[in-house]
Amino acid sequence: MFDGIPRRVVSLWFPRLASNRALRMRPVDGAFALTLKQNNANRLYCVNLAAERQGLHRGMSYADARAFCPDLQSRPADLHGDQRFLHILRRWTTRYCPWVGLEGKDGLVLDITGSAHLFGGEEAMLADMRGRLMRAGLSVQIGLADTRGAAWALAHHGEGVAAPGDMLGALEPLPVAALRLEEETSVALQRLGLRRIGDLAAAARAPLSRRFGPGLLLRLDQALGTQPEQLTPIADPPHYGVRMTLPEPIGLLADVMSAADRLLAQLCVRLKAQEMGARKLCMTLRRVDQECQQVELRLARPLREAPRILALFERGLSRVEAGFGIDQLRLEATQVEPLPVRQVSHVSSGDKDRLDDLVTRIGTRIGLENIHRFLPADSHIPERGFTIAPAAYSEPASGWRRPRPRPLRLFPPEPIAGIGPRPPARFRWRRMALTTGRATGPERIAPEWWLEDENWHSGVRDYWRVETRQGRRLWLFYTPQNPGWFVQGEFA
């Protein structure tokens, strides 16, 4: 009860939610099914009405379905897409009431207490729901009752509306499976002759509790309203957007930056409250002629410090054409990431922050994905001793730990003339005549036999660090199995 108003709950069940969503994007004629691989077998996950009429059902193997229906059209199921679509429906149903929650993977539950009169009564509200959902191409079954359990039972086992205060009368003819019981419990009750909810309500409670545990009677009492059941709505995700409407149009860069500073201060307060940081921001500037211009800023690291973000926005805002003036600014963080509070020390350095800001400034010109950094990899093979990762989406490594120095520049092996296992005294490389002044080595590196690499089919390599009299400091290697000398790198 809420202020004397009896509680009323609506359950919406979408029996073909996944197939309806898929057919909304790409309609087809005839039987259609979504498939999902389960236990190394491809099975039907959701079918449309035409497929159901031909005897196909959920859980059926795809091979058997094609035997029953050779013209069956199918696509792979997208479970994440279905959940996103269900959340979109949840947000849409808030037009009827603010208390809306999810009911499994294909249903919604609404607490419409005190809101039905806004739509002309319960019948008019349900008719409006059904009509709008059907026009959107969604199959739906609706149940309305005083309790969540009763509404679910009516939606899944014969649509209907339970009169206020008479849950048993509405649920009495329904099967015991309508109480949201486990399949094993439902089958066991049917074997005992308790096939309907009315039979279960009339049976002695003590024997049922001893045999099936307290869960069975709890479900029955929740459906009948003698035990409460919580209905928890899902809150909308935080919206990280702020807006400012100006009494007089502005056009100077200094004025625009001042307005952006105020918006950033408000936005960063929201981000800090949720321990989030902005990764992508979009500033929309509306001119007096109703034309809008957008300035997007992609950050190398999640931030919520207004002064740092404002300095990075300056280049984009300086390119805005103000026209006859700007009268509204809107700032939104379109992509956010968790940014927990960090302990700041008096010995901490701002070098990392300056590097991140530099990456952001360069990224606004050439794109963040075009700025890379080298990271160490766990391999003793020179070509595999590093990986290349986007600087904006990776952290710098603490250091390169190598037992012996490696050249700064690596390139594919280039053959040179040489005889014997020691570096040649004189050789030509890239049209240069070089003389060996000092040679350090060898360092034998064996191939990684568990990986296929054509470049290392020649076997082990003996690497030498050669300093030439002409000033070149090269990295040479010798292949004992197939005698030959090669240059692969150059030290700085």
Protein backbone atom coordinates (compact mmCIF):
# COMPACT_ATOMS: atom_id res chain seq x y z
CA MET A 1 0.00 0.00 0.00
CA PHE A 2 1.19 3.54 -0.79
CA ASP A 3 -0.83 6.33 0.82
CA GLY A 4 -3.91 4.10 0.81
CA ILE A 5 -3.49 3.07 -2.85
CA PRO A 6 -3.21 -0.70 -3.43
CA ARG A 7 0.00 -1.76 -5.09
CA ARG A 8 -0.31 -2.77 -8.75
CA VAL A 9 2.46 -4.44 -10.75
CA VAL A 10 2.72 -5.05 -14.49
CA SER A 11 4.88 -7.82 -15.95
CA LEU A 12 5.92 -7.56 -19.60
CA TRP A 13 7.25 -10.74 -21.20
CA PHE A 14 8.79 -10.68 -24.66
CA PRO A 15 8.80 -14.35 -25.72
CA ARG A 16 10.53 -13.59 -29.03
CA LEU A 17 12.66 -10.64 -28.02
CA ALA A 18 15.86 -11.72 -29.80
CA SER A 19 14.20 -12.67 -33.10
CA ASN A 20 12.01 -9.56 -33.04
CA ARG A 21 15.09 -7.38 -32.60
CA ALA A 22 16.93 -9.13 -35.43
CA LEU A 23 13.96 -8.86 -37.80
CA ARG A 24 13.53 -5.17 -37.00
CA MET A 25 17.02 -4.57 -38.43
CA ARG A 26 16.77 -6.98 -41.38
CA PRO A 27 13.24 -8.25 -42.10
CA VAL A 28 12.76 -11.63 -43.77
CA ASP A 29 9.74 -13.58 -44.94
CA GLY A 30 8.97 -17.06 -43.67
CA ALA A 31 10.49 -19.10 -40.88
CA PHE A 32 13.42 -17.47 -39.10
CA ALA A 33 15.61 -18.50 -36.16
CA LEU A 34 18.62 -17.29 -34.23
CA THR A 35 21.22 -19.95 -33.46
CA LEU A 36 23.61 -20.32 -30.54
CA LYS A 37 26.42 -22.83 -30.07
CA GLN A 38 25.92 -24.84 -26.89
CA ASN A 39 28.03 -27.85 -25.86
CA ASN A 40 29.63 -28.04 -29.32
CA ALA A 41 26.21 -28.16 -30.94
CA ASN A 42 24.42 -25.45 -32.88
CA ARG A 43 20.94 -25.02 -31.42
CA LEU A 44 17.99 -22.71 -31.94
CA TYR A 45 18.05 -19.80 -29.50
CA CYS A 46 14.95 -17.86 -30.58
CA VAL A 47 12.43 -18.41 -33.39
CA ASN A 48 9.74 -16.24 -34.90
CA LEU A 49 6.05 -17.05 -35.08
CA ALA A 50 6.27 -18.61 -38.54
CA ALA A 51 8.93 -21.03 -37.33
CA GLU A 52 6.88 -21.93 -34.26
CA ARG A 53 3.93 -22.81 -36.48
CA GLN A 54 6.15 -25.30 -38.31
CA GLY A 55 7.05 -27.08 -35.08
CA LEU A 56 10.39 -25.44 -34.31
CA HIS A 57 11.19 -24.50 -30.74
CA ARG A 58 13.97 -23.12 -28.60
CA GLY A 59 16.75 -25.61 -27.77
CA MET A 60 16.15 -27.69 -30.89
CA SER A 61 19.29 -28.68 -32.79
CA TYR A 62 19.85 -26.71 -35.96
CA ALA A 63 20.24 -29.87 -38.06
CA ASP A 64 16.85 -31.18 -36.92
CA ALA A 65 15.29 -27.78 -37.56
CA ARG A 66 16.56 -27.75 -41.15
CA ALA A 67 15.14 -31.24 -41.62
CA PHE A 68 11.71 -30.05 -40.45
CA CYS A 69 11.92 -26.74 -42.30
CA PRO A 70 14.32 -26.71 -45.31
CA ASP A 71 13.50 -23.04 -46.00
CA LEU A 72 14.54 -21.93 -42.51
CA GLN A 73 16.59 -18.71 -42.48
CA SER A 74 18.96 -18.18 -39.59
CA ARG A 75 21.54 -15.85 -38.09
CA PRO A 76 23.87 -16.11 -35.08
CA ALA A 77 22.41 -14.80 -31.83
CA ASP A 78 23.81 -11.65 -30.23
CA LEU A 79 23.26 -11.96 -26.49
CA HIS A 80 24.89 -8.64 -25.63
CA GLY A 81 22.84 -6.85 -28.25
CA ASP A 82 19.65 -8.36 -26.84
CA GLN A 83 20.50 -7.13 -23.35
CA ARG A 84 21.23 -3.64 -24.65
CA PHE A 85 17.87 -3.66 -26.43
CA LEU A 86 16.11 -4.78 -23.25
CA HIS A 87 17.69 -1.87 -21.37
CA ILE A 88 16.44 0.47 -24.11
CA LEU A 89 12.93 -0.93 -23.62
CA ARG A 90 13.28 -0.44 -19.87
CA ARG A 91 14.08 3.20 -20.39
CA TRP A 92 11.15 3.57 -22.80
CA THR A 93 8.67 2.10 -20.31
CA THR A 94 9.51 4.79 -17.79
CA ARG A 95 6.97 6.87 -19.70
CA TYR A 96 4.33 4.88 -17.80
CA CYS A 97 5.93 4.86 -14.35
CA PRO A 98 9.33 5.61 -12.81
CA TRP A 99 9.73 2.19 -11.14
CA VAL A 100 10.88 -0.23 -13.83
CA GLY A 101 13.19 -3.22 -13.39
CA LEU A 102 14.43 -6.18 -15.41
CA GLU A 103 12.72 -9.56 -15.18
CA GLY A 104 15.23 -12.12 -16.39
CA LYS A 105 16.66 -11.88 -19.92
CA ASP A 106 13.40 -11.19 -21.73
CA GLY A 107 11.06 -9.33 -19.41
CA LEU A 108 10.33 -6.13 -17.53
CA VAL A 109 8.44 -5.43 -14.30
CA LEU A 110 6.68 -2.11 -13.64
CA ASP A 111 5.23 -0.76 -10.42
CA ILE A 112 2.33 1.34 -11.76
CA THR A 113 0.88 2.16 -8.35
CA GLY A 114 -0.73 5.58 -8.56
CA SER A 115 0.06 6.18 -12.25
CA ALA A 116 -2.63 4.24 -14.14
CA HIS A 117 -5.14 7.10 -13.89
CA LEU A 118 -2.81 9.28 -15.97
CA PHE A 119 -3.56 7.04 -18.96
CA GLY A 120 -7.29 6.62 -18.36
CA GLY A 121 -7.14 3.55 -16.13
CA GLU A 122 -5.40 0.19 -16.11
CA GLU A 123 -7.11 -1.19 -19.19
CA ALA A 124 -6.28 1.89 -21.23
CA MET A 125 -2.67 1.80 -20.03
CA LEU A 126 -2.23 -1.86 -20.96
CA ALA A 127 -3.86 -1.28 -24.34
CA ASP A 128 -1.51 1.62 -25.00
CA MET A 129 1.51 -0.52 -24.06
CA ARG A 130 0.43 -3.38 -26.28
CA GLY A 131 -0.38 -1.16 -29.23
CA ARG A 132 2.92 0.71 -29.17
CA LEU A 133 4.98 -2.47 -28.77
CA MET A 134 3.13 -4.27 -31.56
CA ARG A 135 3.64 -1.31 -33.90
CA ALA A 136 7.35 -1.57 -33.07
CA GLY A 137 7.31 -5.20 -34.19
CA LEU A 138 7.59 -6.75 -30.70
CA SER A 139 5.55 -9.68 -29.42
CA VAL A 140 4.54 -9.14 -25.80
CA GLN A 141 2.46 -10.84 -23.13
CA ILE A 142 1.21 -8.72 -20.23
CA GLY A 143 0.13 -9.57 -16.73
CA LEU A 144 -1.26 -7.21 -14.07
CA ALA A 145 -1.70 -8.03 -10.40
CA ASP A 146 -1.05 -6.85 -6.86
CA THR A 147 2.24 -8.76 -6.57
CA ARG A 148 5.27 -9.29 -8.72
CA GLY A 149 4.90 -13.07 -8.64
CA ALA A 150 1.25 -13.00 -9.68
CA ALA A 151 1.93 -10.56 -12.51
CA TRP A 152 4.77 -12.78 -13.77
CA ALA A 153 2.53 -15.86 -13.64
CA LEU A 154 -0.25 -14.17 -15.60
CA ALA A 155 2.17 -12.87 -18.24
CA HIS A 156 3.87 -16.23 -18.81
CA HIS A 157 0.88 -18.57 -18.42
CA GLY A 158 -2.12 -16.92 -19.97
CA GLU A 159 -2.37 -13.15 -20.14
CA GLY A 160 -4.76 -11.60 -17.69
CA VAL A 161 -5.52 -9.00 -15.06
CA ALA A 162 -6.01 -9.98 -11.45
CA ALA A 163 -8.63 -8.02 -9.54
CA PRO A 164 -7.23 -6.08 -6.60
CA GLY A 165 -7.06 -8.21 -3.46
CA ASP A 166 -7.95 -11.51 -5.20
CA MET A 167 -4.65 -13.09 -6.23
CA LEU A 168 -5.70 -16.66 -5.47
CA GLY A 169 -8.77 -16.38 -7.67
CA ALA A 170 -6.64 -15.30 -10.64
CA LEU A 171 -3.82 -17.79 -10.06
CA GLU A 172 -5.87 -20.83 -9.03
CA PRO A 173 -6.21 -22.39 -12.53
CA LEU A 174 -2.58 -21.77 -13.52
CA PRO A 175 0.05 -24.56 -13.41
CA VAL A 176 2.49 -24.71 -10.50
CA ALA A 177 5.32 -23.76 -12.89
CA ALA A 178 3.82 -20.25 -12.89
CA LEU A 179 5.29 -19.75 -9.40
CA ARG A 180 8.82 -19.42 -10.89
CA LEU A 181 9.87 -22.81 -9.53
CA GLU A 182 12.76 -25.00 -10.61
CA GLU A 183 11.83 -27.56 -13.23
CA GLU A 184 12.64 -30.46 -10.91
CA THR A 185 10.34 -29.06 -8.21
CA SER A 186 7.54 -28.47 -10.70
CA VAL A 187 7.78 -32.04 -12.04
CA ALA A 188 7.83 -33.50 -8.53
CA LEU A 189 4.70 -31.56 -7.57
CA GLN A 190 2.87 -32.80 -10.65
CA ARG A 191 3.76 -36.38 -9.78
CA LEU A 192 2.15 -35.81 -6.39
CA GLY A 193 -1.02 -34.63 -8.10
CA LEU A 194 -0.48 -30.94 -7.34
CA ARG A 195 -0.77 -29.62 -10.87
CA ARG A 196 -2.45 -26.27 -10.26
CA ILE A 197 -1.67 -23.39 -7.94
CA GLY A 198 -5.09 -23.89 -6.37
CA ASP A 199 -4.19 -27.50 -5.51
CA LEU A 200 -0.92 -26.34 -3.97
CA ALA A 201 -2.60 -23.58 -1.92
CA ALA A 202 -5.12 -26.08 -0.50
CA ALA A 203 -2.49 -28.70 0.45
CA ALA A 204 -0.99 -29.03 3.92
CA ARG A 205 1.99 -26.75 4.28
CA ALA A 206 4.11 -28.73 6.76
CA PRO A 207 4.69 -31.80 4.52
CA LEU A 208 5.47 -29.55 1.56
CA SER A 209 7.99 -27.59 3.58
CA ARG A 210 9.70 -30.76 4.84
CA ARG A 211 9.99 -32.24 1.35
CA PHE A 212 10.72 -29.22 -0.83
CA GLY A 213 12.19 -26.74 1.64
CA PRO A 214 11.02 -23.22 2.45
CA GLY A 215 11.56 -21.92 -1.11
CA LEU A 216 8.35 -23.47 -2.48
CA LEU A 217 6.03 -21.91 0.08
CA LEU A 218 7.92 -18.60 -0.14
CA ARG A 219 7.17 -18.39 -3.87
CA LEU A 220 3.52 -19.21 -3.21
CA ASP A 221 3.22 -16.59 -0.45
CA GLN A 222 4.96 -13.95 -2.59
CA ALA A 223 2.53 -14.56 -5.43
CA LEU A 224 -0.48 -14.40 -3.11
CA GLY A 225 0.81 -11.29 -1.33
CA THR A 226 1.24 -12.73 2.17
CA GLN A 227 5.03 -12.32 1.89
CA PRO A 228 6.62 -9.15 0.49
CA GLU A 229 8.82 -9.21 -2.59
CA GLN A 230 11.10 -6.34 -3.41
CA LEU A 231 10.87 -4.58 -6.74
CA THR A 232 14.10 -2.70 -7.36
CA PRO A 233 14.13 -0.35 -10.33
CA ILE A 234 17.33 0.11 -12.31
CA ALA A 235 18.61 3.63 -12.13
CA ASP A 236 19.63 5.39 -15.32
CA PRO A 237 23.38 5.64 -15.77
CA PRO A 238 24.92 8.98 -14.79
CA HIS A 239 24.77 11.58 -17.52
CA TYR A 240 27.93 13.60 -17.85
CA GLY A 241 26.67 16.65 -19.67
CA VAL A 242 26.30 20.32 -18.77
CA ARG A 243 24.81 23.28 -20.64
CA MET A 244 25.02 27.05 -20.49
CA THR A 245 22.65 29.49 -22.19
CA LEU A 246 24.02 33.00 -22.46
CA PRO A 247 21.91 36.16 -22.10
CA GLU A 248 23.99 37.88 -24.78
CA PRO A 249 25.85 36.28 -27.71
CA ILE A 250 29.63 36.03 -27.49
CA GLY A 251 32.26 35.73 -30.20
CA LEU A 252 35.71 36.37 -28.77
CA LEU A 253 37.93 33.39 -28.02
CA ALA A 254 38.56 34.65 -24.48
CA ASP A 255 34.82 34.70 -23.77
CA VAL A 256 34.33 31.22 -25.22
CA MET A 257 37.23 29.89 -23.13
CA SER A 258 35.76 31.49 -20.01
CA ALA A 259 32.40 29.81 -20.65
CA ALA A 260 34.14 26.50 -21.33
CA ASP A 261 36.03 26.86 -18.05
CA ARG A 262 32.75 27.13 -16.12
CA LEU A 263 31.27 24.13 -17.89
CA LEU A 264 34.37 22.05 -17.27
CA ALA A 265 34.32 22.91 -13.56
CA GLN A 266 30.72 21.64 -13.28
CA LEU A 267 31.44 18.52 -15.33
CA CYS A 268 34.55 17.61 -13.34
CA VAL A 269 32.57 17.81 -10.09
CA ARG A 270 30.18 15.17 -11.44
CA LEU A 271 33.04 13.01 -12.67
CA LYS A 272 34.79 13.20 -9.32
CA ALA A 273 31.63 12.24 -7.45
CA GLN A 274 31.43 9.03 -9.52
CA GLU A 275 35.22 8.46 -9.52
CA MET A 276 35.24 8.62 -13.31
CA GLY A 277 37.48 10.38 -15.79
CA ALA A 278 36.62 11.76 -19.22
CA ARG A 279 38.30 10.08 -22.17
CA LYS A 280 36.37 11.82 -24.94
CA LEU A 281 34.58 15.18 -24.71
CA CYS A 282 32.36 17.01 -27.16
CA MET A 283 31.67 20.73 -26.98
CA THR A 284 28.64 21.93 -28.97
CA LEU A 285 28.39 25.67 -29.66
CA ARG A 286 25.09 27.04 -30.94
CA ARG A 287 25.08 30.32 -32.84
CA VAL A 288 22.26 32.81 -32.91
CA ASP A 289 21.35 31.63 -36.43
CA GLN A 290 20.70 28.15 -34.90
CA GLU A 291 23.75 26.64 -36.61
CA CYS A 292 25.79 24.34 -34.35
CA GLN A 293 29.48 23.58 -34.37
CA GLN A 294 31.16 20.78 -32.47
CA VAL A 295 34.66 20.51 -31.08
CA GLU A 296 35.72 17.00 -30.05
CA LEU A 297 38.63 16.29 -27.75
CA ARG A 298 40.09 12.80 -27.30
CA LEU A 299 42.38 12.45 -24.31
CA ALA A 300 45.38 10.17 -23.97
CA ARG A 301 44.36 9.40 -20.39
CA PRO A 302 41.09 9.77 -18.45
CA LEU A 303 41.04 13.20 -16.81
CA ARG A 304 38.80 15.23 -14.52
CA GLU A 305 41.06 18.24 -13.93
CA ALA A 306 39.40 21.27 -15.47
CA PRO A 307 42.56 23.44 -15.99
CA ARG A 308 44.37 20.67 -17.88
CA ILE A 309 41.38 19.87 -20.09
CA LEU A 310 40.73 23.57 -20.81
CA ALA A 311 44.27 24.07 -22.13
CA LEU A 312 43.81 21.10 -24.47
CA PHE A 313 40.48 22.50 -25.74
CA GLU A 314 41.99 25.83 -26.76
CA ARG A 315 43.23 24.78 -30.19
CA GLY A 316 39.86 23.38 -31.24
CA LEU A 317 37.86 26.31 -29.89
CA SER A 318 40.09 28.80 -31.70
CA ARG A 319 38.86 27.39 -35.02
CA VAL A 320 35.17 27.95 -34.27
CA GLU A 321 33.41 30.44 -36.53
CA ALA A 322 31.26 32.52 -34.19
CA GLY A 323 29.29 34.26 -36.95
CA PHE A 324 26.88 36.74 -35.33
CA GLY A 325 27.58 35.25 -31.91
CA ILE A 326 27.26 32.12 -29.81
CA ASP A 327 24.36 31.96 -27.36
CA GLN A 328 24.58 28.42 -26.01
CA LEU A 329 27.35 25.96 -25.11
CA ARG A 330 26.92 22.31 -24.25
CA LEU A 331 29.69 20.06 -22.96
CA GLU A 332 29.34 16.28 -22.73
CA ALA A 333 31.76 13.52 -21.79
CA THR A 334 30.84 10.96 -24.45
CA GLN A 335 33.32 8.38 -23.18
CA VAL A 336 34.34 7.91 -19.57
CA GLU A 337 36.55 5.43 -17.70
CA PRO A 338 37.01 4.63 -14.02
CA LEU A 339 39.49 6.97 -12.35
CA PRO A 340 39.80 6.17 -8.64
CA VAL A 341 41.24 8.66 -6.21
CA ARG A 342 45.04 8.44 -5.98
CA GLN A 343 47.34 9.20 -3.09
CA VAL A 344 49.45 12.23 -4.01
CA SER A 345 52.95 12.46 -2.55
CA HIS A 346 55.18 15.49 -2.14
CA VAL A 347 57.83 13.68 -4.18
CA SER A 348 55.50 12.87 -7.08
CA SER A 349 56.48 14.21 -10.47
CA GLY A 350 54.32 15.76 -13.13
CA ASP A 351 56.39 14.32 -15.98
CA LYS A 352 53.77 11.68 -16.77
CA ASP A 353 50.99 14.26 -16.87
CA ARG A 354 53.00 16.44 -19.23
CA LEU A 355 53.67 13.45 -21.48
CA ASP A 356 49.98 12.56 -21.56
CA ASP A 357 49.08 16.16 -22.43
CA LEU A 358 51.68 16.12 -25.20
CA VAL A 359 50.23 12.91 -26.63
CA THR A 360 46.78 14.51 -26.53
CA ARG A 361 47.97 17.65 -28.33
CA ILE A 362 49.65 15.65 -31.06
CA GLY A 363 46.70 13.28 -31.23
CA THR A 364 44.29 16.14 -31.99
CA ARG A 365 46.28 16.73 -35.18
CA ILE A 366 47.23 13.27 -36.43
CA GLY A 367 44.93 11.01 -34.35
CA LEU A 368 45.62 9.24 -31.08
CA GLU A 369 45.74 5.86 -32.80
CA ASN A 370 48.76 7.02 -34.87
CA ILE A 371 50.99 7.63 -31.83
CA HIS A 372 52.76 4.45 -30.74
CA ARG A 373 55.20 3.35 -28.09
CA PHE A 374 57.50 0.36 -27.86
CA LEU A 375 56.94 -2.07 -25.00
CA PRO A 376 59.15 -4.99 -23.96
CA ALA A 377 58.04 -8.52 -24.80
CA ASP A 378 59.03 -11.81 -23.20
CA SER A 379 61.26 -13.22 -25.95
CA HIS A 380 65.01 -13.54 -26.47
CA ILE A 381 64.59 -13.28 -30.26
CA PRO A 382 65.60 -9.71 -31.24
CA GLU A 383 62.65 -9.20 -33.59
CA ARG A 384 60.21 -10.37 -30.92
CA GLY A 385 61.73 -8.56 -27.97
CA PHE A 386 59.27 -5.68 -28.27
CA THR A 387 55.68 -4.88 -29.19
CA ILE A 388 54.15 -1.73 -30.63
CA ALA A 389 51.07 -0.36 -28.86
CA PRO A 390 49.05 2.88 -29.11
CA ALA A 391 50.49 5.34 -26.62
CA ALA A 392 47.03 6.55 -25.55
CA TYR A 393 45.83 3.05 -24.62
CA SER A 394 48.92 1.59 -22.94
CA GLU A 395 51.20 2.32 -20.02
CA PRO A 396 54.95 2.78 -20.40
CA ALA A 397 57.08 -0.11 -19.17
CA SER A 398 59.29 0.35 -16.13
CA GLY A 399 62.40 -0.64 -18.07
CA TRP A 400 63.96 -3.02 -20.56
CA ARG A 401 65.82 -5.79 -18.80
CA ARG A 402 68.37 -7.36 -21.11
CA PRO A 403 71.49 -9.22 -20.02
CA ARG A 404 73.34 -7.70 -22.98
CA PRO A 405 72.83 -4.42 -24.86
CA ARG A 406 70.59 -4.32 -27.90
CA PRO A 407 70.87 -1.90 -30.83
CA LEU A 408 68.50 1.02 -31.02
CA ARG A 409 67.78 0.29 -34.69
CA LEU A 410 66.79 -3.14 -35.94
CA PHE A 411 66.21 -4.06 -39.57
CA PRO A 412 65.95 -7.28 -41.61
CA PRO A 413 69.28 -9.15 -41.85
CA GLU A 414 71.51 -7.83 -44.64
CA PRO A 415 74.23 -10.23 -45.89
CA ILE A 416 77.89 -9.23 -45.99
CA ALA A 417 81.02 -11.04 -47.16
CA GLY A 418 82.88 -12.91 -44.44
CA ILE A 419 84.65 -16.21 -43.78
CA GLY A 420 85.01 -18.00 -40.47
CA PRO A 421 83.29 -17.69 -37.10
CA ARG A 422 84.97 -14.37 -36.20
CA PRO A 423 83.87 -11.00 -37.64
CA PRO A 424 85.64 -10.09 -40.89
CA ALA A 425 88.46 -7.54 -40.60
CA ARG A 426 87.15 -5.67 -43.64
CA PHE A 427 83.71 -5.80 -45.26
CA ARG A 428 81.31 -3.76 -47.35
CA TRP A 429 77.85 -2.80 -46.12
CA ARG A 430 75.43 -0.47 -47.90
CA ARG A 431 78.15 0.54 -50.38
CA MET A 432 80.47 1.52 -47.53
CA ALA A 433 83.90 -0.03 -46.98
CA LEU A 434 84.26 -0.66 -43.27
CA THR A 435 87.13 -1.87 -41.10
CA THR A 436 86.57 -3.70 -37.84
CA GLY A 437 88.19 -1.88 -34.93
CA ARG A 438 86.76 -3.81 -32.01
CA ALA A 439 84.49 -6.85 -31.78
CA THR A 440 82.65 -8.07 -28.65
CA GLY A 441 81.01 -11.48 -28.55
CA PRO A 442 79.78 -13.94 -29.41
CA GLU A 443 76.28 -14.10 -27.92
CA ARG A 444 74.58 -17.27 -29.11
CA ILE A 445 70.80 -17.07 -29.58
CA ALA A 446 68.83 -20.20 -30.36
CA PRO A 447 65.51 -20.12 -32.25
CA GLU A 448 62.23 -20.60 -30.43
CA TRP A 449 61.41 -24.08 -31.70
CA TRP A 450 57.78 -23.87 -30.60
CA LEU A 451 57.07 -21.02 -33.03
CA GLU A 452 57.14 -21.07 -36.82
CA ASP A 453 59.54 -18.44 -38.12
CA GLU A 454 61.08 -18.75 -41.58
CA ASN A 455 63.80 -16.23 -40.73
CA TRP A 456 65.24 -18.59 -38.10
CA HIS A 457 65.22 -21.82 -40.08
CA SER A 458 69.01 -21.57 -40.44
CA GLY A 459 69.46 -22.50 -36.75
CA VAL A 460 71.38 -20.74 -34.00
CA ARG A 461 73.02 -17.35 -34.46
CA ASP A 462 76.22 -15.96 -32.94
CA TYR A 463 75.80 -12.20 -32.44
CA TRP A 464 78.75 -9.78 -32.31
CA ARG A 465 78.93 -6.13 -31.40
CA VAL A 466 81.32 -4.57 -33.91
CA GLU A 467 82.76 -1.07 -33.67
CA THR A 468 84.27 0.06 -36.98
CA ARG A 469 87.06 2.55 -37.47
CA GLN A 470 84.70 4.67 -39.57
CA GLY A 471 82.44 5.24 -36.52
CA ARG A 472 79.67 2.73 -37.25
CA ARG A 473 78.65 0.49 -34.37
CA LEU A 474 76.91 -2.53 -35.89
CA TRP A 475 75.27 -5.71 -34.67
CA LEU A 476 76.42 -8.68 -36.76
CA PHE A 477 75.59 -12.36 -36.51
CA TYR A 478 77.08 -15.55 -37.90
CA THR A 479 75.12 -18.72 -38.77
CA PRO A 480 77.26 -21.82 -38.08
CA GLN A 481 74.89 -24.34 -39.73
CA ASN A 482 74.82 -22.42 -43.01
CA PRO A 483 77.98 -20.30 -42.80
CA GLY A 484 77.32 -16.64 -43.49
CA TRP A 485 77.52 -13.17 -42.02
CA PHE A 486 74.68 -10.64 -41.69
CA VAL A 487 74.11 -7.15 -40.29
CA GLN A 488 70.83 -6.79 -38.37
CA GLY A 489 71.14 -3.62 -36.27
CA GLU A 490 73.04 -0.46 -35.51
CA PHE A 491 73.82 1.01 -32.10
CA ALA A 492 73.34 4.71 -31.47
